[in-house]
Protein backbone atom coordinates (compact mmCIF):
# COMPACT_ATOMS: atom_id res chain seq x y z
CA MET A 1 -0.25 -0.25 -0.26
CA MET A 2 1.66 3.69 -1.41
CA ARG A 3 0.92 5.97 2.02
CA VAL A 4 0.74 9.41 0.36
CA GLY A 5 1.29 12.57 2.37
CA ILE A 6 -0.90 15.93 2.12
CA PHE A 7 0.37 19.45 2.21
CA ALA A 8 -2.13 21.89 2.75
CA SER A 9 -1.98 25.73 3.28
CA GLY A 10 -5.15 26.62 2.82
CA SER A 11 -8.68 25.15 3.62
CA GLY A 12 -7.72 22.60 2.95
CA SER A 13 -10.83 21.33 -0.30
CA ASN A 14 -8.29 19.70 -2.67
CA ALA A 15 -7.07 17.42 0.46
CA GLU A 16 -10.88 16.73 0.78
CA ASN A 17 -11.27 15.66 -2.30
CA PHE A 18 -8.52 13.57 -2.44
CA HIS A 19 -9.03 11.64 1.16
CA LYS A 20 -13.13 10.87 -0.57
CA TYR A 21 -11.22 10.32 -4.55
CA PHE A 22 -8.59 7.05 -2.75
CA LYS A 23 -11.29 6.12 0.10
CA GLY A 24 -11.15 2.20 0.07
CA HIS A 25 -8.32 2.27 -3.16
CA ASP A 26 -6.38 -0.58 -2.81
CA ASN A 27 -3.28 0.03 -3.83
CA LEU A 28 -2.85 3.93 -1.96
CA GLN A 29 -3.80 5.83 0.69
CA ILE A 30 -4.20 9.27 2.20
CA ALA A 31 -2.15 8.45 4.98
CA LYS A 32 -1.88 12.54 6.60
CA VAL A 33 -2.20 15.80 6.15
CA TYR A 34 0.54 18.11 6.98
CA THR A 35 0.18 21.76 7.13
CA ASN A 36 2.19 25.15 7.45
CA SER A 37 -0.26 26.86 9.28
CA SER A 38 -1.67 26.19 12.55
CA SER A 39 -4.75 28.54 11.10
CA ALA A 40 -5.57 27.02 8.41
CA GLY A 41 -9.13 25.75 7.82
CA VAL A 42 -7.97 22.33 6.12
CA ILE A 43 -6.92 21.67 10.09
CA ASP A 44 -10.81 21.68 10.72
CA ARG A 45 -11.29 19.91 7.63
CA CYS A 46 -9.11 17.28 8.84
CA LYS A 47 -11.06 17.17 12.48
CA ARG A 48 -14.61 16.19 10.28
CA LEU A 49 -13.27 13.78 8.13
CA ASP A 50 -11.32 11.68 10.96
CA MET A 51 -8.27 12.71 8.84
CA ALA A 52 -4.66 12.58 10.54
CA CYS A 53 -3.42 16.16 10.73
CA HIS A 54 0.56 17.22 11.50
CA VAL A 55 1.14 20.83 12.18
CA PHE A 56 4.33 21.78 11.15
CA THR A 57 6.56 25.51 11.35
CA LYS A 58 9.17 26.92 8.36
CA ALA A 59 11.96 26.43 10.28
CA GLU A 60 11.21 22.38 10.74
CA MET A 61 10.52 22.06 7.26
CA LYS A 62 13.98 22.86 6.37
CA ASP A 63 16.27 21.65 9.39
CA GLY A 64 14.61 17.95 9.23
CA ILE A 65 12.31 17.86 11.68
CA LEU A 66 9.34 17.37 9.05
CA LEU A 67 11.80 14.74 7.40
CA ASN A 68 12.52 12.54 10.25
CA GLN A 69 8.07 13.35 11.17
CA LEU A 70 7.37 12.04 7.19
CA LYS A 71 9.72 8.64 7.58
CA ASN A 72 8.33 7.71 11.17
CA ASP A 73 4.94 7.53 9.55
CA CYS A 74 5.81 6.03 6.52
CA ILE A 75 5.38 8.42 3.74
CA ASP A 76 5.89 6.97 0.13
CA ALA A 77 5.00 10.32 -1.75
CA ILE A 78 3.68 13.46 -1.17
CA VAL A 79 1.04 15.70 -2.93
CA LEU A 80 1.43 19.40 -2.60
CA ALA A 81 -2.87 20.94 -2.80
CA GLY A 82 -2.52 24.44 -2.28
CA PHE A 83 0.67 24.80 -0.07
CA LEU A 84 2.70 27.43 -0.71
CA LEU A 85 6.23 27.16 1.13
CA LEU A 86 9.22 26.29 -1.61
CA ILE A 87 10.26 23.03 -1.09
CA PRO A 88 13.77 22.44 0.56
CA SER A 89 16.05 20.31 -0.72
CA ASN A 90 15.55 17.41 2.45
CA LEU A 91 12.74 16.40 0.93
CA ILE A 92 13.14 16.91 -2.45
CA GLU A 93 16.34 14.19 -2.11
CA ALA A 94 14.38 12.02 0.09
CA PHE A 95 11.91 12.24 -2.35
CA PRO A 96 12.86 12.08 -5.72
CA ASP A 97 10.06 13.07 -8.64
CA ARG A 98 7.54 11.50 -5.61
CA ILE A 99 6.27 15.20 -4.76
CA ILE A 100 3.34 16.35 -7.06
CA ASN A 101 1.82 19.57 -7.33
CA VAL A 102 -1.41 21.47 -9.26
CA HIS A 103 -0.81 24.66 -10.32
CA PRO A 104 -4.15 26.57 -11.32
CA ALA A 105 -2.03 28.06 -14.78
CA LEU A 106 -0.75 26.74 -17.17
CA LEU A 107 2.45 26.33 -17.08
CA PRO A 108 5.39 28.45 -17.69
CA GLN A 109 3.47 31.05 -18.00
CA TYR A 110 1.62 32.28 -14.58
CA GLY A 111 4.26 30.92 -11.87
CA GLY A 112 6.92 30.97 -9.96
CA LYS A 113 6.82 32.96 -6.51
CA GLY A 114 4.01 34.73 -5.58
CA MET A 115 2.63 33.61 -7.99
CA TYR A 116 -0.65 31.32 -6.53
CA GLY A 117 -5.07 31.23 -6.25
CA GLN A 118 -6.23 34.55 -6.63
CA HIS A 119 -2.85 36.36 -8.32
CA VAL A 120 -2.80 33.76 -10.97
CA HIS A 121 -6.13 34.35 -12.31
CA GLU A 122 -5.96 38.07 -11.74
CA ALA A 123 -2.70 37.69 -14.05
CA VAL A 124 -4.14 36.05 -16.52
CA MET A 125 -7.37 37.84 -16.64
CA ALA A 126 -5.24 41.04 -17.03
CA ASN A 127 -3.77 39.80 -19.93
CA GLY A 128 -6.65 38.70 -21.73
CA GLU A 129 -6.21 35.44 -22.33
CA SER A 130 -8.61 32.92 -24.46
CA ARG A 131 -8.19 30.04 -22.07
CA SER A 132 -6.07 28.92 -18.70
CA GLY A 133 -6.74 25.50 -16.80
CA ILE A 134 -3.99 23.76 -14.91
CA THR A 135 -0.71 21.68 -14.63
CA ILE A 136 0.68 18.96 -12.74
CA HIS A 137 4.08 18.87 -11.81
CA LEU A 138 6.63 17.47 -10.37
CA VAL A 139 8.28 19.36 -7.83
CA ASN A 140 12.06 20.75 -8.17
CA GLU A 141 13.88 23.51 -5.74
CA LYS A 142 12.02 26.08 -7.71
CA TYR A 143 8.89 27.18 -7.61
CA ASP A 144 6.81 25.39 -10.40
CA GLU A 145 9.56 24.39 -12.13
CA GLY A 146 8.93 20.48 -12.57
CA ARG A 147 8.47 18.40 -15.26
CA PHE A 148 5.02 18.03 -16.16
CA LEU A 149 2.29 15.13 -15.70
CA ALA A 150 -0.30 16.83 -17.61
CA GLN A 151 -1.94 20.18 -18.75
CA ILE A 152 -5.56 20.98 -18.72
CA THR A 153 -7.23 23.83 -20.04
CA CYS A 154 -10.91 25.92 -20.25
CA GLU A 155 -12.16 28.74 -21.74
CA ILE A 156 -11.99 31.56 -20.78
CA GLY A 157 -15.34 33.40 -22.24
CA PRO A 158 -15.86 37.23 -22.80
CA LYS A 159 -18.32 37.29 -19.37
CA ASP A 160 -15.95 35.45 -16.96
CA ASN A 161 -13.60 37.14 -14.18
CA SER A 162 -11.28 36.30 -12.00
CA GLU A 163 -13.70 35.05 -9.54
CA THR A 164 -15.71 32.74 -12.13
CA LEU A 165 -12.45 31.60 -14.03
CA ALA A 166 -11.23 30.58 -10.14
CA GLU A 167 -14.18 28.45 -10.11
CA LYS A 168 -13.20 26.69 -13.65
CA ILE A 169 -9.65 25.89 -12.05
CA HIS A 170 -11.41 24.24 -9.11
CA GLU A 171 -13.62 22.53 -11.21
CA LEU A 172 -10.46 21.19 -12.87
CA GLU A 173 -8.67 20.66 -9.74
CA TYR A 174 -11.23 18.65 -8.46
CA GLU A 175 -11.80 16.06 -11.24
CA TYR A 176 -8.44 15.95 -12.62
CA PHE A 177 -5.61 15.92 -9.87
CA PRO A 178 -6.62 12.73 -8.03
CA ARG A 179 -6.89 10.59 -11.50
CA ILE A 180 -3.81 12.26 -13.03
CA VAL A 181 -1.37 11.43 -9.44
CA GLU A 182 -3.12 8.16 -9.13
CA GLY A 183 -2.05 7.23 -13.02
CA TYR A 184 1.74 8.50 -12.11
CA LEU A 185 1.97 6.89 -8.77
CA MET A 186 0.88 3.18 -9.70
CA ARG A 187 2.40 3.09 -13.09
CA ASP A 188 4.88 0.88 -11.86
């Protein structure tokens, strides 16, 4: 059984989606949620769903304490689901090609430090793009530069704004992110 840890910084809607998608899966389970924010909504969501949750600090992520926790929890892969911190090299080395992120735009455009959530959607709309989407990719030492696993697009209509675009992007994440992760992790 492959054990996956979910990293989340916000409300945890993608973490909940993963929990539901993989509940009862024969080969893969969401073992625990990890968050860097003691006030993140994902903590309450985990309590409601009876999911294990661990809160850590940025310092613990960099100095190896989090890595030791992941090893103690027997985590095989990590999914970033609305996680905003840059992943340090100690985690990338410990989980080579086993840290997966979703970005709410079609990379390489609209990626990098500070490009997350509404910031991305506002930039896409400000540039008059006719389409956007999600990029599911492996994580390396730089924001949003890891190898792409999938890109799924959506059209931006004349009546769309950054809020309606965000809704479209969330729908793509909920539908495709768990399936792409499953296909990638179960490929061997």
